[in-house]
Amino acid sequence: LISLMAACTSSKPPVPSTPPSPIHPTVTIGPTVTPLPSPTATPYPLGDKNNPIIMGIVKTGASGQEIAGQNLAEKLSSNDTIAVKFRAYDNYTNLLIDMKQGTLQMAWLPPVTYTLAHEQAYANVALLTNHFGVYLFGSQFFAHVDTGLSSYFDEVNNKNTADAKTALSQLNGKRPCYVDLQSTSGYVIPQGYLYANGFRTQPAVLTQSHSAVIRALYIKGICDFGATFATTGDPRTASTVLSDLTDVKEKIFILWQTPEIIPTLNLSFQPTVSPDLRNKITQLLLKLVPTDEGKSLLSDANDYEITSLQPVDDVVYNEFRAYLQASEADPIPLMGK
């Protein structure tokens, strides 16, 4: 990932795999000195009070976030068997650099950022957060009743009535309204499903919010269909929409929904962390989160509502990873998503 980002921002030629020979290999500056051997220090194990494990988050600007993170680290350290320290970052690039170097051993990561870090062997997922009642969510396609497009979703029973290829074939060559190029549910995954099934669209209109996708479809003439989040709610019922578009649910219908394949925020460990230490910390968090204090500390530290935690492994990202790749989305703007 770090090398990928560098490649996107630098025009310098690649460094050769074998360093060139020095121009003057026989020239020595100053006398040759043989250094005395240094005493071998006994290293403290990771998680010891003299070598605490570091937990990282990226700041969002929310008030009290860093204080909550420090309090969370102190709470995890309160049993005197494990020492945890908190570190806040301004961006995910710097956070992942420290994970790569091993100076940061655990971090809270959103789905795209995690998949990129895992591919580079910086992070392994341990816990998934419950956010607005779900651990995974999806995307959905909307259209206006006047477009002539067909619905393949039963809103009464909340299920699709056809597979993706059948439902989405009618969108081939149409113009979408997406949220923005950083939205996993309002751009990346919908485009991934279209592209994976062999369908291409006209250039998208970017509305900048999920509710704006619905408003654009309601107005008509802007785009043929739109995509937003699913599972955690319905953007048609947002107050910013219903306040003046009272008949929106009659005019805008759900065309099709993806399965719930977008993971929420996770806790990941740097791969060199021992299984024993990783297990001890995850068990502490699983005991902490059912309490009101635990929910508050976790949510405030991440500026992200967390009501519970679930142990998972990387397989939960397989479908998400496949459609992320199919979307052909640029990964650099997706850092932090």
C-alpha atoms as a PDB file:
ATOM      1  CA  LEU A   1       0.000   0.000   0.000  1.00  0.00           C
ATOM      2  CA  ILE A   2       2.739   2.462   0.986  1.00  0.00           C
ATOM      3  CA  SER A   3       4.659   1.627  -2.176  1.00  0.00           C
ATOM      4  CA  LEU A   4       1.441   1.915  -4.186  1.00  0.00           C
ATOM      5  CA  MET A   5       0.811   5.410  -2.802  1.00  0.00           C
ATOM      6  CA  ALA A   6       4.361   6.447  -3.520  1.00  0.00           C
ATOM      7  CA  ALA A   7       4.046   5.266  -7.095  1.00  0.00           C
ATOM      8  CA  CYS A   8       0.946   7.405  -7.529  1.00  0.00           C
ATOM      9  CA  THR A   9       2.682  10.566  -6.337  1.00  0.00           C
ATOM     10  CA  SER A  10       6.223  10.308  -7.666  1.00  0.00           C
ATOM     11  CA  SER A  11       7.723  10.342 -11.103  1.00  0.00           C
ATOM     12  CA  LYS A  12      11.146   9.118  -9.952  1.00  0.00           C
ATOM     13  CA  PRO A  13      12.474   5.966 -11.652  1.00  0.00           C
ATOM     14  CA  PRO A  14      12.255   2.757  -9.619  1.00  0.00           C
ATOM     15  CA  VAL A  15      15.136   1.856  -7.336  1.00  0.00           C
ATOM     16  CA  PRO A  16      17.002  -1.157  -8.747  1.00  0.00           C
ATOM     17  CA  SER A  17      16.658  -4.367  -6.758  1.00  0.00           C
ATOM     18  CA  THR A  18      20.483  -4.681  -6.561  1.00  0.00           C
ATOM     19  CA  PRO A  19      22.226  -1.504  -5.339  1.00  0.00           C
ATOM     20  CA  PRO A  20      24.888  -0.243  -7.746  1.00  0.00           C
ATOM     21  CA  SER A  21      28.542  -0.745  -6.828  1.00  0.00           C
ATOM     22  CA  PRO A  22      30.210   2.265  -5.180  1.00  0.00           C
ATOM     23  CA  ILE A  23      32.090   4.575  -7.551  1.00  0.00           C
ATOM     24  CA  HIS A  24      35.260   4.341  -5.470  1.00  0.00           C
ATOM     25  CA  PRO A  25      35.155   0.968  -3.726  1.00  0.00           C
ATOM     26  CA  THR A  26      38.709   1.157  -2.343  1.00  0.00           C
ATOM     27  CA  VAL A  27      38.507   4.608  -0.795  1.00  0.00           C
ATOM     28  CA  THR A  28      38.128   4.653   3.010  1.00  0.00           C
ATOM     29  CA  ILE A  29      37.408   7.869   4.919  1.00  0.00           C
ATOM     30  CA  GLY A  30      39.292   7.802   8.250  1.00  0.00           C
ATOM     31  CA  PRO A  31      40.761   4.835  10.084  1.00  0.00           C
ATOM     32  CA  THR A  32      39.006   1.518  10.354  1.00  0.00           C
ATOM     33  CA  VAL A  33      37.672   1.012  13.881  1.00  0.00           C
ATOM     34  CA  THR A  34      36.332  -2.227  15.287  1.00  0.00           C
ATOM     35  CA  PRO A  35      33.463  -1.319  17.639  1.00  0.00           C
ATOM     36  CA  LEU A  36      33.223  -2.909  21.069  1.00  0.00           C
ATOM     37  CA  PRO A  37      30.326  -5.342  21.462  1.00  0.00           C
ATOM     38  CA  SER A  38      27.234  -3.789  23.063  1.00  0.00           C
ATOM     39  CA  PRO A  39      25.749  -5.440  26.131  1.00  0.00           C
ATOM     40  CA  THR A  40      22.728  -7.566  25.248  1.00  0.00           C
ATOM     41  CA  ALA A  41      19.620  -6.189  26.920  1.00  0.00           C
ATOM     42  CA  THR A  42      16.832  -8.544  27.939  1.00  0.00           C
ATOM     43  CA  PRO A  43      13.784  -7.294  25.988  1.00  0.00           C
ATOM     44  CA  TYR A  44      10.509  -6.917  27.771  1.00  0.00           C
ATOM     45  CA  PRO A  45       7.667  -8.871  26.140  1.00  0.00           C
ATOM     46  CA  LEU A  46       5.068  -6.903  24.219  1.00  0.00           C
ATOM     47  CA  GLY A  47       2.249  -5.952  26.566  1.00  0.00           C
ATOM     48  CA  ASP A  48       4.563  -5.585  29.577  1.00  0.00           C
ATOM     49  CA  LYS A  49       4.345  -2.236  31.414  1.00  0.00           C
ATOM     50  CA  ASN A  50       7.861  -1.493  30.101  1.00  0.00           C
ATOM     51  CA  ASN A  51       6.829  -2.389  26.545  1.00  0.00           C
ATOM     52  CA  PRO A  52       3.096  -1.632  26.204  1.00  0.00           C
ATOM     53  CA  ILE A  53       1.132  -2.663  23.143  1.00  0.00           C
ATOM     54  CA  ILE A  54       0.043   0.419  21.191  1.00  0.00           C
ATOM     55  CA  MET A  55      -3.569   0.896  20.025  1.00  0.00           C
ATOM     56  CA  GLY A  56      -4.126   3.409  17.215  1.00  0.00           C
ATOM     57  CA  ILE A  57      -7.058   5.376  15.829  1.00  0.00           C
ATOM     58  CA  VAL A  58      -7.316   8.161  13.259  1.00  0.00           C
ATOM     59  CA  LYS A  59      -8.713  11.430  14.572  1.00  0.00           C
ATOM     60  CA  THR A  60     -11.963  12.690  13.065  1.00  0.00           C
ATOM     61  CA  GLY A  61     -11.976  16.018  14.861  1.00  0.00           C
ATOM     62  CA  ALA A  62     -14.693  14.952  17.297  1.00  0.00           C
ATOM     63  CA  SER A  63     -14.487  16.505  20.756  1.00  0.00           C
ATOM     64  CA  GLY A  64     -13.168  14.183  23.446  1.00  0.00           C
ATOM     65  CA  GLN A  65     -11.992  11.479  21.059  1.00  0.00           C
ATOM     66  CA  GLU A  66      -8.397  11.358  22.268  1.00  0.00           C
ATOM     67  CA  ILE A  67      -9.403  11.468  25.937  1.00  0.00           C
ATOM     68  CA  ALA A  68     -11.770   8.538  25.357  1.00  0.00           C
ATOM     69  CA  GLY A  69      -8.994   6.630  23.583  1.00  0.00           C
ATOM     70  CA  GLN A  70      -6.615   7.170  26.478  1.00  0.00           C
ATOM     71  CA  ASN A  71      -9.287   6.123  28.964  1.00  0.00           C
ATOM     72  CA  LEU A  72     -10.004   3.003  26.921  1.00  0.00           C
ATOM     73  CA  ALA A  73      -6.305   2.065  26.952  1.00  0.00           C
ATOM     74  CA  GLU A  74      -6.163   2.624  30.720  1.00  0.00           C
ATOM     75  CA  LYS A  75      -9.265   0.485  31.192  1.00  0.00           C
ATOM     76  CA  LEU A  76      -7.693  -2.373  29.242  1.00  0.00           C
ATOM     77  CA  SER A  77      -4.546  -2.005  31.363  1.00  0.00           C
ATOM     78  CA  SER A  78      -6.377  -1.900  34.698  1.00  0.00           C
ATOM     79  CA  ASN A  79      -5.975  -5.609  35.474  1.00  0.00           C
ATOM     80  CA  ASP A  80      -2.171  -5.199  35.614  1.00  0.00           C
ATOM     81  CA  THR A  81      -1.597  -8.196  33.321  1.00  0.00           C
ATOM     82  CA  ILE A  82      -1.423  -6.225  30.072  1.00  0.00           C
ATOM     83  CA  ALA A  83      -0.244  -2.682  29.395  1.00  0.00           C
ATOM     84  CA  VAL A  84      -1.959  -0.814  26.544  1.00  0.00           C
ATOM     85  CA  LYS A  85      -1.165   2.684  25.317  1.00  0.00           C
ATOM     86  CA  PHE A  86      -3.179   4.851  22.957  1.00  0.00           C
ATOM     87  CA  ARG A  87      -1.887   6.729  19.926  1.00  0.00           C
ATOM     88  CA  ALA A  88      -3.916   9.098  17.719  1.00  0.00           C
ATOM     89  CA  TYR A  89      -3.048   9.738  14.063  1.00  0.00           C
ATOM     90  CA  ASP A  90      -3.969  12.523  11.665  1.00  0.00           C
ATOM     91  CA  ASN A  91      -4.439  10.103   8.751  1.00  0.00           C
ATOM     92  CA  TYR A  92      -4.433   6.420   7.815  1.00  0.00           C
ATOM     93  CA  THR A  93      -1.272   6.706   5.740  1.00  0.00           C
ATOM     94  CA  ASN A  94       0.844   7.431   8.807  1.00  0.00           C
ATOM     95  CA  LEU A  95      -1.017   4.825  10.843  1.00  0.00           C
ATOM     96  CA  LEU A  96      -0.312   2.115   8.270  1.00  0.00           C
ATOM     97  CA  ILE A  97       3.342   3.117   8.008  1.00  0.00           C
ATOM     98  CA  ASP A  98       3.682   2.437  11.740  1.00  0.00           C
ATOM     99  CA  MET A  99       1.825  -0.881  11.394  1.00  0.00           C
ATOM    100  CA  LYS A 100       4.175  -1.848   8.576  1.00  0.00           C
ATOM    101  CA  GLN A 101       7.201  -1.014  10.741  1.00  0.00           C
ATOM    102  CA  GLY A 102       5.736  -2.797  13.766  1.00  0.00           C
ATOM    103  CA  THR A 103       5.709   0.317  15.974  1.00  0.00           C
ATOM    104  CA  LEU A 104       1.901   0.176  16.090  1.00  0.00           C
ATOM    105  CA  GLN A 105       0.477  -3.223  16.999  1.00  0.00           C
ATOM    106  CA  MET A 106      -3.313  -2.798  16.921  1.00  0.00           C
ATOM    107  CA  ALA A 107      -5.692  -0.356  15.222  1.00  0.00           C
ATOM    108  CA  TRP A 108      -9.345   0.304  14.418  1.00  0.00           C
ATOM    109  CA  LEU A 109      -9.736   0.115  10.629  1.00  0.00           C
ATOM    110  CA  PRO A 110     -12.605   0.711   8.163  1.00  0.00           C
ATOM    111  CA  PRO A 111     -13.193  -1.931   5.457  1.00  0.00           C
ATOM    112  CA  VAL A 112     -11.308  -0.612   2.414  1.00  0.00           C
ATOM    113  CA  THR A 113      -8.343   0.475   4.520  1.00  0.00           C
ATOM    114  CA  TYR A 114      -8.245  -2.936   6.184  1.00  0.00           C
ATOM    115  CA  THR A 115      -8.287  -4.878   2.909  1.00  0.00           C
ATOM    116  CA  LEU A 116      -5.402  -2.804   1.561  1.00  0.00           C
ATOM    117  CA  ALA A 117      -3.429  -3.234   4.791  1.00  0.00           C
ATOM    118  CA  HIS A 118      -4.100  -6.977   4.910  1.00  0.00           C
ATOM    119  CA  GLU A 119      -2.921  -7.445   1.330  1.00  0.00           C
ATOM    120  CA  GLN A 120       0.352  -5.783   2.319  1.00  0.00           C
ATOM    121  CA  ALA A 121       0.584  -8.006   5.451  1.00  0.00           C
ATOM    122  CA  TYR A 122       0.265  -5.094   7.875  1.00  0.00           C
ATOM    123  CA  ALA A 123      -2.958  -6.171   9.621  1.00  0.00           C
ATOM    124  CA  ASN A 124      -5.112  -9.174  10.558  1.00  0.00           C
ATOM    125  CA  VAL A 125      -8.705  -8.628  11.675  1.00  0.00           C
ATOM    126  CA  ALA A 126      -9.792  -9.846  15.115  1.00  0.00           C
ATOM    127  CA  LEU A 127     -13.057  -8.081  16.002  1.00  0.00           C
ATOM    128  CA  LEU A 128     -15.895  -6.547  14.005  1.00  0.00           C
ATOM    129  CA  THR A 129     -18.068  -3.792  15.467  1.00  0.00           C
ATOM    130  CA  ASN A 130     -21.856  -3.709  15.621  1.00  0.00           C
ATOM    131  CA  HIS A 131     -22.896  -0.354  14.136  1.00  0.00           C
ATOM    132  CA  PHE A 132     -26.575   0.656  13.992  1.00  0.00           C
ATOM    133  CA  GLY A 133     -27.513  -2.956  14.734  1.00  0.00           C
ATOM    134  CA  VAL A 134     -25.404  -4.707  12.073  1.00  0.00           C
ATOM    135  CA  TYR A 135     -21.917  -6.093  11.565  1.00  0.00           C
ATOM    136  CA  LEU A 136     -22.221  -5.974   7.775  1.00  0.00           C
ATOM    137  CA  PHE A 137     -24.380  -3.854   5.504  1.00  0.00           C
ATOM    138  CA  GLY A 138     -25.104  -3.557   1.806  1.00  0.00           C
ATOM    139  CA  SER A 139     -26.041  -1.287  -1.088  1.00  0.00           C
ATOM    140  CA  GLN A 140     -29.273  -0.807  -2.985  1.00  0.00           C
ATOM    141  CA  PHE A 141     -30.300   0.497  -6.386  1.00  0.00           C
ATOM    142  CA  PHE A 142     -33.200   2.957  -6.761  1.00  0.00           C
ATOM    143  CA  ALA A 143     -35.134   4.309  -9.747  1.00  0.00           C
ATOM    144  CA  HIS A 144     -38.092   6.593 -10.447  1.00  0.00           C
ATOM    145  CA  VAL A 145     -41.376   4.952 -11.411  1.00  0.00           C
ATOM    146  CA  ASP A 146     -41.433   6.985 -14.651  1.00  0.00           C
ATOM    147  CA  THR A 147     -38.174   5.506 -15.972  1.00  0.00           C
ATOM    148  CA  GLY A 148     -39.832   2.264 -17.055  1.00  0.00           C
ATOM    149  CA  LEU A 149     -37.227   0.247 -15.167  1.00  0.00           C
ATOM    150  CA  SER A 150     -38.428  -2.837 -13.299  1.00  0.00           C
ATOM    151  CA  SER A 151     -38.130  -3.660  -9.620  1.00  0.00           C
ATOM    152  CA  TYR A 152     -36.677  -6.997  -8.584  1.00  0.00           C
ATOM    153  CA  PHE A 153     -37.103  -6.369  -4.868  1.00  0.00           C
ATOM    154  CA  ASP A 154     -40.077  -7.270  -2.681  1.00  0.00           C
ATOM    155  CA  GLU A 155     -40.328  -4.447  -0.117  1.00  0.00           C
ATOM    156  CA  VAL A 156     -43.045  -6.228   1.876  1.00  0.00           C
ATOM    157  CA  ASN A 157     -40.890  -9.307   2.494  1.00  0.00           C
ATOM    158  CA  ASN A 158     -37.602  -7.411   2.212  1.00  0.00           C
ATOM    159  CA  LYS A 159     -35.958  -9.719  -0.316  1.00  0.00           C
ATOM    160  CA  ASN A 160     -34.791  -9.778  -3.914  1.00  0.00           C
ATOM    161  CA  THR A 161     -36.881 -11.581  -6.526  1.00  0.00           C
ATOM    162  CA  ALA A 162     -34.059 -12.109  -9.039  1.00  0.00           C
ATOM    163  CA  ASP A 163     -30.310 -12.498  -9.164  1.00  0.00           C
ATOM    164  CA  ALA A 164     -27.929  -9.603  -9.792  1.00  0.00           C
ATOM    165  CA  LYS A 165     -27.394 -10.311 -13.484  1.00  0.00           C
ATOM    166  CA  THR A 166     -31.117 -10.362 -14.218  1.00  0.00           C
ATOM    167  CA  ALA A 167     -31.959  -7.279 -12.156  1.00  0.00           C
ATOM    168  CA  LEU A 168     -29.002  -5.138 -13.169  1.00  0.00           C
ATOM    169  CA  SER A 169     -28.962  -5.940 -16.910  1.00  0.00           C
ATOM    170  CA  GLN A 170     -31.497  -3.144 -17.463  1.00  0.00           C
ATOM    171  CA  LEU A 171     -28.955  -0.619 -16.137  1.00  0.00           C
ATOM    172  CA  ASN A 172     -26.379  -1.332 -18.846  1.00  0.00           C
ATOM    173  CA  GLY A 173     -25.589   1.937 -20.616  1.00  0.00           C
ATOM    174  CA  LYS A 174     -27.632   4.019 -18.156  1.00  0.00           C
ATOM    175  CA  ARG A 175     -26.405   6.976 -16.092  1.00  0.00           C
ATOM    176  CA  PRO A 176     -26.041   6.433 -12.329  1.00  0.00           C
ATOM    177  CA  CYS A 177     -26.273   8.852  -9.434  1.00  0.00           C
ATOM    178  CA  TYR A 178     -23.601   7.882  -6.916  1.00  0.00           C
ATOM    179  CA  VAL A 179     -22.777   9.539  -3.596  1.00  0.00           C
ATOM    180  CA  ASP A 180     -19.076  10.253  -4.148  1.00  0.00           C
ATOM    181  CA  LEU A 181     -15.914   8.405  -5.106  1.00  0.00           C
ATOM    182  CA  GLN A 182     -15.142   7.629  -1.455  1.00  0.00           C
ATOM    183  CA  SER A 183     -18.475   5.946  -0.636  1.00  0.00           C
ATOM    184  CA  THR A 184     -18.289   2.172  -0.271  1.00  0.00           C
ATOM    185  CA  SER A 185     -22.069   1.652  -0.310  1.00  0.00           C
ATOM    186  CA  GLY A 186     -22.951   4.572  -2.564  1.00  0.00           C
ATOM    187  CA  TYR A 187     -20.350   3.967  -5.270  1.00  0.00           C
ATOM    188  CA  VAL A 188     -17.751   1.205  -4.865  1.00  0.00           C
ATOM    189  CA  ILE A 189     -19.953  -1.827  -4.226  1.00  0.00           C
ATOM    190  CA  PRO A 190     -22.788  -0.856  -6.632  1.00  0.00           C
ATOM    191  CA  GLN A 191     -20.269  -0.288  -9.422  1.00  0.00           C
ATOM    192  CA  GLY A 192     -18.513  -3.506  -8.445  1.00  0.00           C
ATOM    193  CA  TYR A 193     -21.745  -5.476  -8.922  1.00  0.00           C
ATOM    194  CA  LEU A 194     -22.434  -3.842 -12.274  1.00  0.00           C
ATOM    195  CA  TYR A 195     -18.909  -4.395 -13.590  1.00  0.00           C
ATOM    196  CA  ALA A 196     -18.667  -7.958 -12.222  1.00  0.00           C
ATOM    197  CA  ASN A 197     -21.803  -8.853 -14.172  1.00  0.00           C
ATOM    198  CA  GLY A 198     -20.507  -7.305 -17.389  1.00  0.00           C
ATOM    199  CA  PHE A 199     -22.504  -4.047 -17.373  1.00  0.00           C
ATOM    200  CA  ARG A 200     -21.062  -0.594 -17.995  1.00  0.00           C
ATOM    201  CA  THR A 201     -22.671   2.766 -17.406  1.00  0.00           C
ATOM    202  CA  GLN A 202     -22.405   6.338 -18.568  1.00  0.00           C
ATOM    203  CA  PRO A 203     -20.286   8.718 -16.429  1.00  0.00           C
ATOM    204  CA  ALA A 204     -21.848   9.054 -12.998  1.00  0.00           C
ATOM    205  CA  VAL A 205     -23.400  12.090 -11.349  1.00  0.00           C
ATOM    206  CA  LEU A 206     -21.922  12.542  -7.855  1.00  0.00           C
ATOM    207  CA  THR A 207     -24.527  13.946  -5.470  1.00  0.00           C
ATOM    208  CA  GLN A 208     -22.355  14.113  -2.293  1.00  0.00           C
ATOM    209  CA  SER A 209     -24.915  12.424   0.001  1.00  0.00           C
ATOM    210  CA  HIS A 210     -27.250   9.428   0.102  1.00  0.00           C
ATOM    211  CA  SER A 211     -30.332  11.593   0.526  1.00  0.00           C
ATOM    212  CA  ALA A 212     -29.232  13.728  -2.432  1.00  0.00           C
ATOM    213  CA  VAL A 213     -29.250  10.584  -4.605  1.00  0.00           C
ATOM    214  CA  ILE A 214     -32.952  10.170  -3.786  1.00  0.00           C
ATOM    215  CA  ARG A 215     -33.703  13.848  -4.411  1.00  0.00           C
ATOM    216  CA  ALA A 216     -31.942  13.722  -7.793  1.00  0.00           C
ATOM    217  CA  LEU A 217     -34.013  10.699  -8.851  1.00  0.00           C
ATOM    218  CA  TYR A 218     -37.209  12.401  -7.688  1.00  0.00           C
ATOM    219  CA  ILE A 219     -36.483  15.493  -9.800  1.00  0.00           C
ATOM    220  CA  LYS A 220     -35.822  13.307 -12.879  1.00  0.00           C
ATOM    221  CA  GLY A 221     -33.615  14.099 -15.853  1.00  0.00           C
ATOM    222  CA  ILE A 222     -30.381  13.934 -13.851  1.00  0.00           C
ATOM    223  CA  CYS A 223     -29.701  10.196 -13.829  1.00  0.00           C
ATOM    224  CA  ASP A 224     -31.484   6.950 -14.646  1.00  0.00           C
ATOM    225  CA  PHE A 225     -30.850   5.149 -11.366  1.00  0.00           C
ATOM    226  CA  GLY A 226     -29.087   5.719  -8.064  1.00  0.00           C
ATOM    227  CA  ALA A 227     -27.264   3.738  -5.391  1.00  0.00           C
ATOM    228  CA  THR A 228     -27.082   4.201  -1.624  1.00  0.00           C
ATOM    229  CA  PHE A 229     -26.503   2.258   1.566  1.00  0.00           C
ATOM    230  CA  ALA A 230     -28.896  -0.534   2.558  1.00  0.00           C
ATOM    231  CA  THR A 231     -29.593  -2.656   5.663  1.00  0.00           C
ATOM    232  CA  THR A 232     -28.969   0.119   8.202  1.00  0.00           C
ATOM    233  CA  GLY A 233     -31.900   2.210   6.972  1.00  0.00           C
ATOM    234  CA  ASP A 234     -33.711   3.732   4.007  1.00  0.00           C
ATOM    235  CA  PRO A 235     -32.529   7.139   2.713  1.00  0.00           C
ATOM    236  CA  ARG A 236     -36.046   7.805   1.412  1.00  0.00           C
ATOM    237  CA  THR A 237     -37.192   8.203   5.020  1.00  0.00           C
ATOM    238  CA  ALA A 238     -34.512  10.739   5.983  1.00  0.00           C
ATOM    239  CA  SER A 239     -35.922  13.956   7.418  1.00  0.00           C
ATOM    240  CA  THR A 240     -34.061  15.935   4.744  1.00  0.00           C
ATOM    241  CA  VAL A 241     -36.064  14.060   2.113  1.00  0.00           C
ATOM    242  CA  LEU A 242     -39.490  13.601   3.708  1.00  0.00           C
ATOM    243  CA  SER A 243     -39.667  17.234   4.825  1.00  0.00           C
ATOM    244  CA  ASP A 244     -40.774  18.293   1.339  1.00  0.00           C
ATOM    245  CA  LEU A 245     -40.952  15.106  -0.761  1.00  0.00           C
ATOM    246  CA  THR A 246     -43.841  13.525   1.110  1.00  0.00           C
ATOM    247  CA  ASP A 247     -44.703  11.074  -1.680  1.00  0.00           C
ATOM    248  CA  VAL A 248     -41.122   9.963  -2.258  1.00  0.00           C
ATOM    249  CA  LYS A 249     -41.775   6.284  -1.463  1.00  0.00           C
ATOM    250  CA  GLU A 250     -44.495   6.245  -4.092  1.00  0.00           C
ATOM    251  CA  LYS A 251     -42.210   7.781  -6.727  1.00  0.00           C
ATOM    252  CA  ILE A 252     -38.853   6.158  -5.965  1.00  0.00           C
ATOM    253  CA  PHE A 253     -38.655   2.360  -5.713  1.00  0.00           C
ATOM    254  CA  ILE A 254     -35.950  -0.112  -4.728  1.00  0.00           C
ATOM    255  CA  LEU A 255     -34.786  -1.865  -7.873  1.00  0.00           C
ATOM    256  CA  TRP A 256     -32.475  -4.426  -6.210  1.00  0.00           C
ATOM    257  CA  GLN A 257     -30.349  -4.855  -3.088  1.00  0.00           C
ATOM    258  CA  THR A 258     -26.902  -6.373  -2.721  1.00  0.00           C
ATOM    259  CA  PRO A 259     -26.266  -8.909   0.026  1.00  0.00           C
ATOM    260  CA  GLU A 260     -24.771  -7.579   3.256  1.00  0.00           C
ATOM    261  CA  ILE A 261     -21.104  -7.738   2.308  1.00  0.00           C
ATOM    262  CA  ILE A 262     -19.626  -4.447   3.602  1.00  0.00           C
ATOM    263  CA  PRO A 263     -18.004  -4.995   7.012  1.00  0.00           C
ATOM    264  CA  THR A 264     -18.168  -2.272   9.637  1.00  0.00           C
ATOM    265  CA  LEU A 265     -15.163  -0.855  11.522  1.00  0.00           C
ATOM    266  CA  ASN A 266     -12.819  -3.548  12.825  1.00  0.00           C
ATOM    267  CA  LEU A 267     -10.022  -4.041  15.320  1.00  0.00           C
ATOM    268  CA  SER A 268      -6.937  -5.444  13.630  1.00  0.00           C
ATOM    269  CA  PHE A 269      -3.585  -6.601  14.981  1.00  0.00           C
ATOM    270  CA  GLN A 270      -0.160  -6.327  13.411  1.00  0.00           C
ATOM    271  CA  PRO A 271       0.773  -9.898  12.322  1.00  0.00           C
ATOM    272  CA  THR A 272       3.761 -10.173  14.694  1.00  0.00           C
ATOM    273  CA  VAL A 273       1.525  -9.888  17.794  1.00  0.00           C
ATOM    274  CA  SER A 274       1.443 -13.284  19.493  1.00  0.00           C
ATOM    275  CA  PRO A 275      -1.835 -15.255  19.428  1.00  0.00           C
ATOM    276  CA  ASP A 276      -1.830 -15.314  23.226  1.00  0.00           C
ATOM    277  CA  LEU A 277      -1.603 -11.525  23.603  1.00  0.00           C
ATOM    278  CA  ARG A 278      -4.122 -10.977  20.820  1.00  0.00           C
ATOM    279  CA  ASN A 279      -6.570 -13.347  22.531  1.00  0.00           C
ATOM    280  CA  LYS A 280      -6.140 -11.675  25.929  1.00  0.00           C
ATOM    281  CA  ILE A 281      -6.934  -8.223  24.516  1.00  0.00           C
ATOM    282  CA  THR A 282      -9.921  -9.387  22.475  1.00  0.00           C
ATOM    283  CA  GLN A 283     -11.347 -11.141  25.548  1.00  0.00           C
ATOM    284  CA  LEU A 284     -10.934  -7.971  27.601  1.00  0.00           C
ATOM    285  CA  LEU A 285     -12.792  -5.988  24.944  1.00  0.00           C
ATOM    286  CA  LEU A 286     -15.561  -8.588  24.680  1.00  0.00           C
ATOM    287  CA  LYS A 287     -16.089  -8.326  28.439  1.00  0.00           C
ATOM    288  CA  LEU A 288     -15.964  -4.525  28.352  1.00  0.00           C
ATOM    289  CA  VAL A 289     -18.364  -3.790  25.483  1.00  0.00           C
ATOM    290  CA  PRO A 290     -21.586  -5.089  27.144  1.00  0.00           C
ATOM    291  CA  THR A 291     -21.211  -2.409  29.831  1.00  0.00           C
ATOM    292  CA  ASP A 292     -22.433   1.155  29.376  1.00  0.00           C
ATOM    293  CA  GLU A 293     -18.926   2.410  30.107  1.00  0.00           C
ATOM    294  CA  GLY A 294     -17.449   0.092  27.494  1.00  0.00           C
ATOM    295  CA  LYS A 295     -19.883   1.148  24.770  1.00  0.00           C
ATOM    296  CA  SER A 296     -19.235   4.793  25.571  1.00  0.00           C
ATOM    297  CA  LEU A 297     -15.435   4.473  25.563  1.00  0.00           C
ATOM    298  CA  LEU A 298     -15.326   2.468  22.317  1.00  0.00           C
ATOM    299  CA  SER A 299     -17.821   4.726  20.535  1.00  0.00           C
ATOM    300  CA  ASP A 300     -16.249   8.001  21.676  1.00  0.00           C
ATOM    301  CA  ALA A 301     -12.683   6.869  20.945  1.00  0.00           C
ATOM    302  CA  ASN A 302     -13.607   5.950  17.376  1.00  0.00           C
ATOM    303  CA  ASP A 303     -16.313   8.609  16.842  1.00  0.00           C
ATOM    304  CA  TYR A 304     -18.399   5.680  15.616  1.00  0.00           C
ATOM    305  CA  GLU A 305     -21.366   4.091  17.374  1.00  0.00           C
ATOM    306  CA  ILE A 306     -20.337   0.655  18.704  1.00  0.00           C
ATOM    307  CA  THR A 307     -22.868  -1.451  20.598  1.00  0.00           C
ATOM    308  CA  SER A 308     -21.136  -4.846  20.528  1.00  0.00           C
ATOM    309  CA  LEU A 309     -18.150  -6.734  19.129  1.00  0.00           C
ATOM    310  CA  GLN A 310     -17.862 -10.050  17.295  1.00  0.00           C
ATOM    311  CA  PRO A 311     -14.751 -12.187  16.724  1.00  0.00           C
ATOM    312  CA  VAL A 312     -14.130 -12.744  12.994  1.00  0.00           C
ATOM    313  CA  ASP A 313     -11.336 -13.747  10.666  1.00  0.00           C
ATOM    314  CA  ASP A 314     -10.354 -12.457   7.245  1.00  0.00           C
ATOM    315  CA  VAL A 315     -12.790 -14.700   5.352  1.00  0.00           C
ATOM    316  CA  VAL A 316     -15.586 -12.246   6.201  1.00  0.00           C
ATOM    317  CA  TYR A 317     -13.957  -9.824   3.723  1.00  0.00           C
ATOM    318  CA  ASN A 318     -13.862 -12.206   0.752  1.00  0.00           C
ATOM    319  CA  GLU A 319     -16.991 -10.982  -1.065  1.00  0.00           C
ATOM    320  CA  PHE A 320     -16.294  -7.357  -0.238  1.00  0.00           C
ATOM    321  CA  ARG A 321     -12.747  -7.718  -1.549  1.00  0.00           C
ATOM    322  CA  ALA A 322     -13.979  -9.308  -4.794  1.00  0.00           C
ATOM    323  CA  TYR A 323     -16.451  -6.523  -5.605  1.00  0.00           C
ATOM    324  CA  LEU A 324     -13.999  -3.836  -4.526  1.00  0.00           C
ATOM    325  CA  GLN A 325     -11.585  -5.197  -7.115  1.00  0.00           C
ATOM    326  CA  ALA A 326     -14.327  -5.514  -9.737  1.00  0.00           C
ATOM    327  CA  SER A 327     -15.319  -1.862  -9.233  1.00  0.00           C
ATOM    328  CA  GLU A 328     -11.952  -0.682 -10.608  1.00  0.00           C
ATOM    329  CA  ALA A 329     -12.086   2.114  -8.004  1.00  0.00           C
ATOM    330  CA  ASP A 330      -8.888   4.029  -7.303  1.00  0.00           C
ATOM    331  CA  PRO A 331      -7.734   2.814  -3.860  1.00  0.00           C
ATOM    332  CA  ILE A 332      -5.919   6.012  -2.884  1.00  0.00           C
ATOM    333  CA  PRO A 333      -9.047   8.204  -2.379  1.00  0.00           C
ATOM    334  CA  LEU A 334     -10.575   5.287  -0.460  1.00  0.00           C
ATOM    335  CA  MET A 335      -8.016   5.416   2.352  1.00  0.00           C
ATOM    336  CA  GLY A 336     -10.006   5.839   5.536  1.00  0.00           C
ATOM    337  CA  LYS A 337     -13.110   4.137   4.080  1.00  0.00           C
END
